[in-house]
Amino acid sequence: PVSGYPWQDDDISDIMFITTFFCWH
């Protein structure tokens, strides 16, 4: 991860931003 901190499986914000990153792609 670019931030140096692992993504959290139990954080809904991380899950939602994955889809956002996909749309950016």
mmCIF file of all heavy atoms, coordinates in Angstrom:
data_MODEL
# 
_entry.id   MODEL 
# 
loop_
_atom_site.group_PDB 
_atom_site.id 
_atom_site.type_symbol 
_atom_site.label_atom_id 
_atom_site.label_alt_id 
_atom_site.label_comp_id 
_atom_site.label_asym_id 
_atom_site.label_entity_id 
_atom_site.label_seq_id 
_atom_site.pdbx_PDB_ins_code 
_atom_site.Cartn_x 
_atom_site.Cartn_y 
_atom_site.Cartn_z 
_atom_site.occupancy 
_atom_site.B_iso_or_equiv 
_atom_site.pdbx_formal_charge 
_atom_site.auth_seq_id 
_atom_site.auth_comp_id 
_atom_site.auth_asym_id 
_atom_site.auth_atom_id 
_atom_site.pdbx_PDB_model_num 
ATOM 1   N N   . PRO A 1 1  ? 0.833   -1.219 0.000   1.00 0.00 ? 1  PRO A N   1 
ATOM 2   C CA  . PRO A 1 1  ? 0.000   0.000  0.000   1.00 0.00 ? 1  PRO A CA  1 
ATOM 3   C C   . PRO A 1 1  ? 0.856   1.252  0.000   1.00 0.00 ? 1  PRO A C   1 
ATOM 4   O O   . PRO A 1 1  ? 1.904   1.314  0.663   1.00 0.00 ? 1  PRO A O   1 
ATOM 5   C CB  . PRO A 1 1  ? -0.820  -0.140 1.281   1.00 0.00 ? 1  PRO A CB  1 
ATOM 6   C CG  . PRO A 1 1  ? -0.074  -1.112 2.130   1.00 0.00 ? 1  PRO A CG  1 
ATOM 7   C CD  . PRO A 1 1  ? 0.634   -2.042 1.197   1.00 0.00 ? 1  PRO A CD  1 
ATOM 8   N N   . VAL A 1 2  ? 0.423   2.241  -0.777  1.00 0.00 ? 2  VAL A N   1 
ATOM 9   C CA  . VAL A 1 2  ? 1.191   3.470  -0.923  1.00 0.00 ? 2  VAL A CA  1 
ATOM 10  C C   . VAL A 1 2  ? 1.324   4.195  0.411   1.00 0.00 ? 2  VAL A C   1 
ATOM 11  O O   . VAL A 1 2  ? 2.363   4.805  0.713   1.00 0.00 ? 2  VAL A O   1 
ATOM 12  C CB  . VAL A 1 2  ? 0.530   4.373  -1.981  1.00 0.00 ? 2  VAL A CB  1 
ATOM 13  C CG1 . VAL A 1 2  ? 1.297   5.688  -2.136  1.00 0.00 ? 2  VAL A CG1 1 
ATOM 14  C CG2 . VAL A 1 2  ? 0.466   3.654  -3.326  1.00 0.00 ? 2  VAL A CG2 1 
ATOM 15  N N   . SER A 1 3  ? 0.296   4.133  1.255   1.00 0.00 ? 3  SER A N   1 
ATOM 16  C CA  . SER A 1 3  ? 0.322   4.830  2.539   1.00 0.00 ? 3  SER A CA  1 
ATOM 17  C C   . SER A 1 3  ? 1.265   4.173  3.545   1.00 0.00 ? 3  SER A C   1 
ATOM 18  O O   . SER A 1 3  ? 1.634   4.796  4.546   1.00 0.00 ? 3  SER A O   1 
ATOM 19  C CB  . SER A 1 3  ? -1.088  4.892  3.133   1.00 0.00 ? 3  SER A CB  1 
ATOM 20  O OG  . SER A 1 3  ? -1.565  3.584  3.417   1.00 0.00 ? 3  SER A OG  1 
ATOM 21  N N   . GLY A 1 4  ? 1.650   2.930  3.275   1.00 0.00 ? 4  GLY A N   1 
ATOM 22  C CA  . GLY A 1 4  ? 2.487   2.206  4.225   1.00 0.00 ? 4  GLY A CA  1 
ATOM 23  C C   . GLY A 1 4  ? 1.698   1.445  5.270   1.00 0.00 ? 4  GLY A C   1 
ATOM 24  O O   . GLY A 1 4  ? 2.286   0.687  6.050   1.00 0.00 ? 4  GLY A O   1 
ATOM 25  N N   . TYR A 1 5  ? 0.381   1.613  5.275   1.00 0.00 ? 5  TYR A N   1 
ATOM 26  C CA  . TYR A 1 5  ? -0.485  0.917  6.236   1.00 0.00 ? 5  TYR A CA  1 
ATOM 27  C C   . TYR A 1 5  ? -1.409  -0.024 5.472   1.00 0.00 ? 5  TYR A C   1 
ATOM 28  O O   . TYR A 1 5  ? -1.971  0.350  4.436   1.00 0.00 ? 5  TYR A O   1 
ATOM 29  C CB  . TYR A 1 5  ? -1.315  1.916  7.040   1.00 0.00 ? 5  TYR A CB  1 
ATOM 30  C CG  . TYR A 1 5  ? -0.479  2.848  7.886   1.00 0.00 ? 5  TYR A CG  1 
ATOM 31  C CD1 . TYR A 1 5  ? -0.124  4.111  7.416   1.00 0.00 ? 5  TYR A CD1 1 
ATOM 32  C CD2 . TYR A 1 5  ? -0.043  2.457  9.152   1.00 0.00 ? 5  TYR A CD2 1 
ATOM 33  C CE1 . TYR A 1 5  ? 0.659   4.968  8.186   1.00 0.00 ? 5  TYR A CE1 1 
ATOM 34  C CE2 . TYR A 1 5  ? 0.734   3.306  9.927   1.00 0.00 ? 5  TYR A CE2 1 
ATOM 35  C CZ  . TYR A 1 5  ? 1.078   4.555  9.439   1.00 0.00 ? 5  TYR A CZ  1 
ATOM 36  O OH  . TYR A 1 5  ? 1.853   5.398  10.205  1.00 0.00 ? 5  TYR A OH  1 
ATOM 37  N N   . PRO A 1 6  ? -1.583  -1.240 5.958   1.00 0.00 ? 6  PRO A N   1 
ATOM 38  C CA  . PRO A 1 6  ? -2.426  -2.195 5.233   1.00 0.00 ? 6  PRO A CA  1 
ATOM 39  C C   . PRO A 1 6  ? -3.893  -1.776 5.242   1.00 0.00 ? 6  PRO A C   1 
ATOM 40  O O   . PRO A 1 6  ? -4.365  -1.113 6.168   1.00 0.00 ? 6  PRO A O   1 
ATOM 41  C CB  . PRO A 1 6  ? -2.217  -3.509 6.014   1.00 0.00 ? 6  PRO A CB  1 
ATOM 42  C CG  . PRO A 1 6  ? -1.798  -3.069 7.379   1.00 0.00 ? 6  PRO A CG  1 
ATOM 43  C CD  . PRO A 1 6  ? -1.017  -1.814 7.201   1.00 0.00 ? 6  PRO A CD  1 
ATOM 44  N N   . TRP A 1 7  ? -4.601  -2.162 4.169   1.00 0.00 ? 7  TRP A N   1 
ATOM 45  C CA  . TRP A 1 7  ? -6.036  -1.907 4.092   1.00 0.00 ? 7  TRP A CA  1 
ATOM 46  C C   . TRP A 1 7  ? -6.756  -2.811 5.095   1.00 0.00 ? 7  TRP A C   1 
ATOM 47  O O   . TRP A 1 7  ? -6.354  -3.953 5.329   1.00 0.00 ? 7  TRP A O   1 
ATOM 48  C CB  . TRP A 1 7  ? -6.543  -2.194 2.685   1.00 0.00 ? 7  TRP A CB  1 
ATOM 49  C CG  . TRP A 1 7  ? -6.045  -1.206 1.654   1.00 0.00 ? 7  TRP A CG  1 
ATOM 50  C CD1 . TRP A 1 7  ? -4.762  -0.895 1.349   1.00 0.00 ? 7  TRP A CD1 1 
ATOM 51  C CD2 . TRP A 1 7  ? -6.857  -0.404 0.803   1.00 0.00 ? 7  TRP A CD2 1 
ATOM 52  N NE1 . TRP A 1 7  ? -4.694  0.039  0.368   1.00 0.00 ? 7  TRP A NE1 1 
ATOM 53  C CE2 . TRP A 1 7  ? -5.975  0.369  -0.006  1.00 0.00 ? 7  TRP A CE2 1 
ATOM 54  C CE3 . TRP A 1 7  ? -8.224  -0.248 0.617   1.00 0.00 ? 7  TRP A CE3 1 
ATOM 55  C CZ2 . TRP A 1 7  ? -6.422  1.269  -0.965  1.00 0.00 ? 7  TRP A CZ2 1 
ATOM 56  C CZ3 . TRP A 1 7  ? -8.677  0.643  -0.348  1.00 0.00 ? 7  TRP A CZ3 1 
ATOM 57  C CH2 . TRP A 1 7  ? -7.798  1.393  -1.119  1.00 0.00 ? 7  TRP A CH2 1 
ATOM 58  N N   . GLN A 1 8  ? -7.850  -2.310 5.659   1.00 0.00 ? 8  GLN A N   1 
ATOM 59  C CA  . GLN A 1 8  ? -8.579  -3.017 6.705   1.00 0.00 ? 8  GLN A CA  1 
ATOM 60  C C   . GLN A 1 8  ? -9.803  -3.720 6.123   1.00 0.00 ? 8  GLN A C   1 
ATOM 61  O O   . GLN A 1 8  ? -10.627 -3.098 5.448   1.00 0.00 ? 8  GLN A O   1 
ATOM 62  C CB  . GLN A 1 8  ? -9.011  -2.042 7.807   1.00 0.00 ? 8  GLN A CB  1 
ATOM 63  C CG  . GLN A 1 8  ? -7.854  -1.306 8.460   1.00 0.00 ? 8  GLN A CG  1 
ATOM 64  C CD  . GLN A 1 8  ? -6.880  -2.254 9.139   1.00 0.00 ? 8  GLN A CD  1 
ATOM 65  O OE1 . GLN A 1 8  ? -7.286  -3.236 9.779   1.00 0.00 ? 8  GLN A OE1 1 
ATOM 66  N NE2 . GLN A 1 8  ? -5.582  -1.963 9.013   1.00 0.00 ? 8  GLN A NE2 1 
ATOM 67  N N   . ASP A 1 9  ? -9.890  -5.031 6.399   1.00 0.00 ? 9  ASP A N   1 
ATOM 68  C CA  . ASP A 1 9  ? -11.019 -5.790 5.873   1.00 0.00 ? 9  ASP A CA  1 
ATOM 69  C C   . ASP A 1 9  ? -12.346 -5.406 6.525   1.00 0.00 ? 9  ASP A C   1 
ATOM 70  O O   . ASP A 1 9  ? -13.408 -5.555 5.911   1.00 0.00 ? 9  ASP A O   1 
ATOM 71  C CB  . ASP A 1 9  ? -10.778 -7.291 6.080   1.00 0.00 ? 9  ASP A CB  1 
ATOM 72  C CG  . ASP A 1 9  ? -9.630  -7.805 5.218   1.00 0.00 ? 9  ASP A CG  1 
ATOM 73  O OD1 . ASP A 1 9  ? -9.368  -7.188 4.164   1.00 0.00 ? 9  ASP A OD1 1 
ATOM 74  O OD2 . ASP A 1 9  ? -9.006  -8.823 5.594   1.00 0.00 ? 9  ASP A OD2 1 
ATOM 75  N N   . ASP A 1 10 ? -12.297 -4.930 7.757   1.00 0.00 ? 10 ASP A N   1 
ATOM 76  C CA  . ASP A 1 10 ? -13.533 -4.604 8.474   1.00 0.00 ? 10 ASP A CA  1 
ATOM 77  C C   . ASP A 1 10 ? -13.904 -3.122 8.369   1.00 0.00 ? 10 ASP A C   1 
ATOM 78  O O   . ASP A 1 10 ? -14.845 -2.682 9.031   1.00 0.00 ? 10 ASP A O   1 
ATOM 79  C CB  . ASP A 1 10 ? -13.395 -4.987 9.949   1.00 0.00 ? 10 ASP A CB  1 
ATOM 80  C CG  . ASP A 1 10 ? -12.175 -4.339 10.603  1.00 0.00 ? 10 ASP A CG  1 
ATOM 81  O OD1 . ASP A 1 10 ? -11.374 -3.704 9.873   1.00 0.00 ? 10 ASP A OD1 1 
ATOM 82  O OD2 . ASP A 1 10 ? -12.024 -4.494 11.832  1.00 0.00 ? 10 ASP A OD2 1 
ATOM 83  N N   . ASP A 1 11 ? -13.188 -2.377 7.533   1.00 0.00 ? 11 ASP A N   1 
ATOM 84  C CA  . ASP A 1 11 ? -13.495 -0.954 7.352   1.00 0.00 ? 11 ASP A CA  1 
ATOM 85  C C   . ASP A 1 11 ? -14.283 -0.789 6.060   1.00 0.00 ? 11 ASP A C   1 
ATOM 86  O O   . ASP A 1 11 ? -13.778 -1.041 4.958   1.00 0.00 ? 11 ASP A O   1 
ATOM 87  C CB  . ASP A 1 11 ? -12.199 -0.146 7.296   1.00 0.00 ? 11 ASP A CB  1 
ATOM 88  C CG  . ASP A 1 11 ? -12.455 1.357  7.368   1.00 0.00 ? 11 ASP A CG  1 
ATOM 89  O OD1 . ASP A 1 11 ? -13.623 1.776  7.183   1.00 0.00 ? 11 ASP A OD1 1 
ATOM 90  O OD2 . ASP A 1 11 ? -11.488 2.115  7.601   1.00 0.00 ? 11 ASP A OD2 1 
ATOM 91  N N   . ILE A 1 12 ? -15.538 -0.368 6.192   1.00 0.00 ? 12 ILE A N   1 
ATOM 92  C CA  . ILE A 1 12 ? -16.392 -0.234 5.017   1.00 0.00 ? 12 ILE A CA  1 
ATOM 93  C C   . ILE A 1 12 ? -15.885 0.841  4.066   1.00 0.00 ? 12 ILE A C   1 
ATOM 94  O O   . ILE A 1 12 ? -16.098 0.759  2.854   1.00 0.00 ? 12 ILE A O   1 
ATOM 95  C CB  . ILE A 1 12 ? -17.852 0.063  5.462   1.00 0.00 ? 12 ILE A CB  1 
ATOM 96  C CG1 . ILE A 1 12 ? -18.814 -0.072 4.269   1.00 0.00 ? 12 ILE A CG1 1 
ATOM 97  C CG2 . ILE A 1 12 ? -17.939 1.418  6.093   1.00 0.00 ? 12 ILE A CG2 1 
ATOM 98  C CD1 . ILE A 1 12 ? -18.874 -1.429 3.663   1.00 0.00 ? 12 ILE A CD1 1 
ATOM 99  N N   . SER A 1 13 ? -15.186 1.839  4.587   1.00 0.00 ? 13 SER A N   1 
ATOM 100 C CA  . SER A 1 13 ? -14.631 2.890  3.728   1.00 0.00 ? 13 SER A CA  1 
ATOM 101 C C   . SER A 1 13 ? -13.579 2.330  2.784   1.00 0.00 ? 13 SER A C   1 
ATOM 102 O O   . SER A 1 13 ? -13.522 2.702  1.601   1.00 0.00 ? 13 SER A O   1 
ATOM 103 C CB  . SER A 1 13 ? -14.027 4.013  4.587   1.00 0.00 ? 13 SER A CB  1 
ATOM 104 O OG  . SER A 1 13 ? -15.004 4.619  5.394   1.00 0.00 ? 13 SER A OG  1 
ATOM 105 N N   . ASP A 1 14 ? -12.732 1.432  3.273   1.00 0.00 ? 14 ASP A N   1 
ATOM 106 C CA  . ASP A 1 14 ? -11.730 0.814  2.407   1.00 0.00 ? 14 ASP A CA  1 
ATOM 107 C C   . ASP A 1 14 ? -12.391 -0.007 1.306   1.00 0.00 ? 14 ASP A C   1 
ATOM 108 O O   . ASP A 1 14 ? -11.954 0.023  0.144   1.00 0.00 ? 14 ASP A O   1 
ATOM 109 C CB  . ASP A 1 14 ? -10.809 -0.077 3.240   1.00 0.00 ? 14 ASP A CB  1 
ATOM 110 C CG  . ASP A 1 14 ? -9.855  0.736  4.107   1.00 0.00 ? 14 ASP A CG  1 
ATOM 111 O OD1 . ASP A 1 14 ? -9.918  1.979  4.043   1.00 0.00 ? 14 ASP A OD1 1 
ATOM 112 O OD2 . ASP A 1 14 ? -9.060  0.129  4.848   1.00 0.00 ? 14 ASP A OD2 1 
ATOM 113 N N   . ILE A 1 15 ? -13.433 -0.747 1.650   1.00 0.00 ? 15 ILE A N   1 
ATOM 114 C CA  . ILE A 1 15 ? -14.135 -1.567 0.652   1.00 0.00 ? 15 ILE A CA  1 
ATOM 115 C C   . ILE A 1 15 ? -14.763 -0.679 -0.413  1.00 0.00 ? 15 ILE A C   1 
ATOM 116 O O   . ILE A 1 15 ? -14.692 -0.970 -1.620  1.00 0.00 ? 15 ILE A O   1 
ATOM 117 C CB  . ILE A 1 15 ? -15.196 -2.443 1.335   1.00 0.00 ? 15 ILE A CB  1 
ATOM 118 C CG1 . ILE A 1 15 ? -14.567 -3.310 2.441   1.00 0.00 ? 15 ILE A CG1 1 
ATOM 119 C CG2 . ILE A 1 15 ? -15.891 -3.315 0.303   1.00 0.00 ? 15 ILE A CG2 1 
ATOM 120 C CD1 . ILE A 1 15 ? -13.539 -4.285 1.943   1.00 0.00 ? 15 ILE A CD1 1 
ATOM 121 N N   . MET A 1 16 ? -15.374 0.438  0.000   1.00 0.00 ? 16 MET A N   1 
ATOM 122 C CA  . MET A 1 16 ? -16.023 1.322  -0.964  1.00 0.00 ? 16 MET A CA  1 
ATOM 123 C C   . MET A 1 16 ? -15.011 2.017  -1.860  1.00 0.00 ? 16 MET A C   1 
ATOM 124 O O   . MET A 1 16 ? -15.249 2.197  -3.064  1.00 0.00 ? 16 MET A O   1 
ATOM 125 C CB  . MET A 1 16 ? -16.872 2.357  -0.217  1.00 0.00 ? 16 MET A CB  1 
ATOM 126 C CG  . MET A 1 16 ? -18.067 1.769  0.514   1.00 0.00 ? 16 MET A CG  1 
ATOM 127 S SD  . MET A 1 16 ? -18.977 3.012  1.462   1.00 0.00 ? 16 MET A SD  1 
ATOM 128 C CE  . MET A 1 16 ? -19.558 4.085  0.147   1.00 0.00 ? 16 MET A CE  1 
ATOM 129 N N   . PHE A 1 17 ? -13.860 2.381  -1.320  1.00 0.00 ? 17 PHE A N   1 
ATOM 130 C CA  . PHE A 1 17 ? -12.871 3.082  -2.129  1.00 0.00 ? 17 PHE A CA  1 
ATOM 131 C C   . PHE A 1 17 ? -12.211 2.160  -3.153  1.00 0.00 ? 17 PHE A C   1 
ATOM 132 O O   . PHE A 1 17 ? -11.672 2.640  -4.153  1.00 0.00 ? 17 PHE A O   1 
ATOM 133 C CB  . PHE A 1 17 ? -11.815 3.735  -1.228  1.00 0.00 ? 17 PHE A CB  1 
ATOM 134 C CG  . PHE A 1 17 ? -12.064 5.193  -1.007  1.00 0.00 ? 17 PHE A CG  1 
ATOM 135 C CD1 . PHE A 1 17 ? -12.685 5.623  0.157   1.00 0.00 ? 17 PHE A CD1 1 
ATOM 136 C CD2 . PHE A 1 17 ? -11.694 6.126  -1.966  1.00 0.00 ? 17 PHE A CD2 1 
ATOM 137 C CE1 . PHE A 1 17 ? -12.930 6.965  0.365   1.00 0.00 ? 17 PHE A CE1 1 
ATOM 138 C CE2 . PHE A 1 17 ? -11.929 7.468  -1.769  1.00 0.00 ? 17 PHE A CE2 1 
ATOM 139 C CZ  . PHE A 1 17 ? -12.553 7.895  -0.596  1.00 0.00 ? 17 PHE A CZ  1 
ATOM 140 N N   . ILE A 1 18 ? -12.242 0.859  -2.924  1.00 0.00 ? 18 ILE A N   1 
ATOM 141 C CA  . ILE A 1 18 ? -11.723 -0.066 -3.942  1.00 0.00 ? 18 ILE A CA  1 
ATOM 142 C C   . ILE A 1 18 ? -12.540 0.058  -5.216  1.00 0.00 ? 18 ILE A C   1 
ATOM 143 O O   . ILE A 1 18 ? -12.003 0.127  -6.331  1.00 0.00 ? 18 ILE A O   1 
ATOM 144 C CB  . ILE A 1 18 ? -11.743 -1.501 -3.391  1.00 0.00 ? 18 ILE A CB  1 
ATOM 145 C CG1 . ILE A 1 18 ? -10.672 -1.674 -2.317  1.00 0.00 ? 18 ILE A CG1 1 
ATOM 146 C CG2 . ILE A 1 18 ? -11.517 -2.511 -4.513  1.00 0.00 ? 18 ILE A CG2 1 
ATOM 147 C CD1 . ILE A 1 18 ? -10.688 -3.020 -1.649  1.00 0.00 ? 18 ILE A CD1 1 
ATOM 148 N N   . THR A 1 19 ? -13.865 0.103  -5.066  1.00 0.00 ? 19 THR A N   1 
ATOM 149 C CA  . THR A 1 19 ? -14.726 0.289  -6.239  1.00 0.00 ? 19 THR A CA  1 
ATOM 150 C C   . THR A 1 19 ? -14.502 1.649  -6.872  1.00 0.00 ? 19 THR A C   1 
ATOM 151 O O   . THR A 1 19 ? -14.527 1.791  -8.102  1.00 0.00 ? 19 THR A O   1 
ATOM 152 C CB  . THR A 1 19 ? -16.197 0.115  -5.833  1.00 0.00 ? 19 THR A CB  1 
ATOM 153 O OG1 . THR A 1 19 ? -16.368 -1.139 -5.169  1.00 0.00 ? 19 THR A OG1 1 
ATOM 154 C CG2 . THR A 1 19 ? -17.096 0.169  -7.053  1.00 0.00 ? 19 THR A CG2 1 
ATOM 155 N N   . THR A 1 20 ? -14.271 2.671  -6.052  1.00 0.00 ? 20 THR A N   1 
ATOM 156 C CA  . THR A 1 20 ? -13.984 4.006  -6.591  1.00 0.00 ? 20 THR A CA  1 
ATOM 157 C C   . THR A 1 20 ? -12.694 3.994  -7.407  1.00 0.00 ? 20 THR A C   1 
ATOM 158 O O   . THR A 1 20 ? -12.636 4.568  -8.504  1.00 0.00 ? 20 THR A O   1 
ATOM 159 C CB  . THR A 1 20 ? -13.866 5.020  -5.451  1.00 0.00 ? 20 THR A CB  1 
ATOM 160 O OG1 . THR A 1 20 ? -15.083 5.014  -4.690  1.00 0.00 ? 20 THR A OG1 1 
ATOM 161 C CG2 . THR A 1 20 ? -13.623 6.419  -5.998  1.00 0.00 ? 20 THR A CG2 1 
ATOM 162 N N   . PHE A 1 21 ? -11.650 3.340  -6.896  1.00 0.00 ? 21 PHE A N   1 
ATOM 163 C CA  . PHE A 1 21 ? -10.394 3.236  -7.640  1.00 0.00 ? 21 PHE A CA  1 
ATOM 164 C C   . PHE A 1 21 ? -10.595 2.492  -8.959  1.00 0.00 ? 21 PHE A C   1 
ATOM 165 O O   . PHE A 1 21 ? -10.001 2.838  -9.986  1.00 0.00 ? 21 PHE A O   1 
ATOM 166 C CB  . PHE A 1 21 ? -9.332  2.529  -6.803  1.00 0.00 ? 21 PHE A CB  1 
ATOM 167 C CG  . PHE A 1 21 ? -8.793  3.364  -5.678  1.00 0.00 ? 21 PHE A CG  1 
ATOM 168 C CD1 . PHE A 1 21 ? -8.134  2.774  -4.612  1.00 0.00 ? 21 PHE A CD1 1 
ATOM 169 C CD2 . PHE A 1 21 ? -8.936  4.744  -5.678  1.00 0.00 ? 21 PHE A CD2 1 
ATOM 170 C CE1 . PHE A 1 21 ? -7.634  3.547  -3.577  1.00 0.00 ? 21 PHE A CE1 1 
ATOM 171 C CE2 . PHE A 1 21 ? -8.433  5.522  -4.650  1.00 0.00 ? 21 PHE A CE2 1 
ATOM 172 C CZ  . PHE A 1 21 ? -7.786  4.923  -3.589  1.00 0.00 ? 21 PHE A CZ  1 
ATOM 173 N N   . PHE A 1 22 ? -11.439 1.467  -8.937  1.00 0.00 ? 22 PHE A N   1 
ATOM 174 C CA  . PHE A 1 22 ? -11.725 0.721  -10.158 1.00 0.00 ? 22 PHE A CA  1 
ATOM 175 C C   . PHE A 1 22 ? -12.381 1.621  -11.208 1.00 0.00 ? 22 PHE A C   1 
ATOM 176 O O   . PHE A 1 22 ? -12.035 1.556  -12.398 1.00 0.00 ? 22 PHE A O   1 
ATOM 177 C CB  . PHE A 1 22 ? -12.624 -0.474 -9.838  1.00 0.00 ? 22 PHE A CB  1 
ATOM 178 C CG  . PHE A 1 22 ? -12.941 -1.342 -11.022 1.00 0.00 ? 22 PHE A CG  1 
ATOM 179 C CD1 . PHE A 1 22 ? -12.040 -2.306 -11.445 1.00 0.00 ? 22 PHE A CD1 1 
ATOM 180 C CD2 . PHE A 1 22 ? -14.140 -1.205 -11.711 1.00 0.00 ? 22 PHE A CD2 1 
ATOM 181 C CE1 . PHE A 1 22 ? -12.324 -3.111 -12.539 1.00 0.00 ? 22 PHE A CE1 1 
ATOM 182 C CE2 . PHE A 1 22 ? -14.430 -2.000 -12.805 1.00 0.00 ? 22 PHE A CE2 1 
ATOM 183 C CZ  . PHE A 1 22 ? -13.520 -2.956 -13.217 1.00 0.00 ? 22 PHE A CZ  1 
ATOM 184 N N   . CYS A 1 23 ? -13.309 2.450  -10.784 1.00 0.00 ? 23 CYS A N   1 
ATOM 185 C CA  . CYS A 1 23 ? -13.957 3.388  -11.715 1.00 0.00 ? 23 CYS A CA  1 
ATOM 186 C C   . CYS A 1 23 ? -12.948 4.404  -12.259 1.00 0.00 ? 23 CYS A C   1 
ATOM 187 O O   . CYS A 1 23 ? -13.029 4.811  -13.424 1.00 0.00 ? 23 CYS A O   1 
ATOM 188 C CB  . CYS A 1 23 ? -15.110 4.107  -11.023 1.00 0.00 ? 23 CYS A CB  1 
ATOM 189 S SG  . CYS A 1 23 ? -16.481 3.022  -10.548 1.00 0.00 ? 23 CYS A SG  1 
ATOM 190 N N   . TRP A 1 24 ? -11.995 4.805  -11.430 1.00 0.00 ? 24 TRP A N   1 
ATOM 191 C CA  . TRP A 1 24 ? -10.932 5.701  -11.920 1.00 0.00 ? 24 TRP A CA  1 
ATOM 192 C C   . TRP A 1 24 ? -10.105 5.007  -12.993 1.00 0.00 ? 24 TRP A C   1 
ATOM 193 O O   . TRP A 1 24 ? -9.688  5.636  -13.970 1.00 0.00 ? 24 TRP A O   1 
ATOM 194 C CB  . TRP A 1 24 ? -10.040 6.134  -10.761 1.00 0.00 ? 24 TRP A CB  1 
ATOM 195 C CG  . TRP A 1 24 ? -10.721 7.080  -9.809  1.00 0.00 ? 24 TRP A CG  1 
ATOM 196 C CD1 . TRP A 1 24 ? -11.976 7.617  -9.930  1.00 0.00 ? 24 TRP A CD1 1 
ATOM 197 C CD2 . TRP A 1 24 ? -10.186 7.601  -8.587  1.00 0.00 ? 24 TRP A CD2 1 
ATOM 198 N NE1 . TRP A 1 24 ? -12.264 8.434  -8.865  1.00 0.00 ? 24 TRP A NE1 1 
ATOM 199 C CE2 . TRP A 1 24 ? -11.179 8.448  -8.018  1.00 0.00 ? 24 TRP A CE2 1 
ATOM 200 C CE3 . TRP A 1 24 ? -8.985  7.428  -7.907  1.00 0.00 ? 24 TRP A CE3 1 
ATOM 201 C CZ2 . TRP A 1 24 ? -10.987 9.125  -6.819  1.00 0.00 ? 24 TRP A CZ2 1 
ATOM 202 C CZ3 . TRP A 1 24 ? -8.793  8.102  -6.700  1.00 0.00 ? 24 TRP A CZ3 1 
ATOM 203 C CH2 . TRP A 1 24 ? -9.781  8.940  -6.166  1.00 0.00 ? 24 TRP A CH2 1 
ATOM 204 N N   . HIS A 1 25 ? -9.853  3.719  -12.826 1.00 0.00 ? 25 HIS A N   1 
ATOM 205 C CA  . HIS A 1 25 ? -9.127  2.968  -13.849 1.00 0.00 ? 25 HIS A CA  1 
ATOM 206 C C   . HIS A 1 25 ? -9.915  2.931  -15.157 1.00 0.00 ? 25 HIS A C   1 
ATOM 207 O O   . HIS A 1 25 ? -9.323  2.985  -16.246 1.00 0.00 ? 25 HIS A O   1 
ATOM 208 C CB  . HIS A 1 25 ? -8.849  1.543  -13.361 1.00 0.00 ? 25 HIS A CB  1 
ATOM 209 C CG  . HIS A 1 25 ? -7.642  1.425  -12.487 1.00 0.00 ? 25 HIS A CG  1 
ATOM 210 N ND1 . HIS A 1 25 ? -6.433  0.963  -12.958 1.00 0.00 ? 25 HIS A ND1 1 
ATOM 211 C CD2 . HIS A 1 25 ? -7.445  1.713  -11.183 1.00 0.00 ? 25 HIS A CD2 1 
ATOM 212 C CE1 . HIS A 1 25 ? -5.542  0.964  -11.971 1.00 0.00 ? 25 HIS A CE1 1 
ATOM 213 N NE2 . HIS A 1 25 ? -6.141  1.412  -10.878 1.00 0.00 ? 25 HIS A NE2 1 
# 
